[in-house]
Amino acid sequence: MQADGLSCVAGRGACLASAHPPHNLGSSHGDTRITRLSVGEGAQYVPIVRNSHRIWRELEQLSGESLFEQSGLLVLTSSPEFDPRV
């Protein structure tokens, strides 16, 4: 599905790219994507990620296809500053 299809189905969204897809310079390349609920850039992005997961589930319902496979991640660190909630 193209990004404009996602925006149309979800009723909102944006696609920003410096090159015209398909290309090998960004997220339009390859078969997989990653999203993180523990975002190093800041907790303000977590609601955006949660909303993207909801939109993927909505698209699955509309298409009848499995589109989003959620898996876990194990982070090992000795840093006392690490907070998995951020």
Foldseek 3Di string as FASTA:
>chain_A
DDPVVLCVQVVHDDDDDPDDPPDDPDDNDDDDDDDACQDPVDNVCNVVSVVVVVSQVVVCVVVVDNDDDDDDDDDDDPDPPDDSND
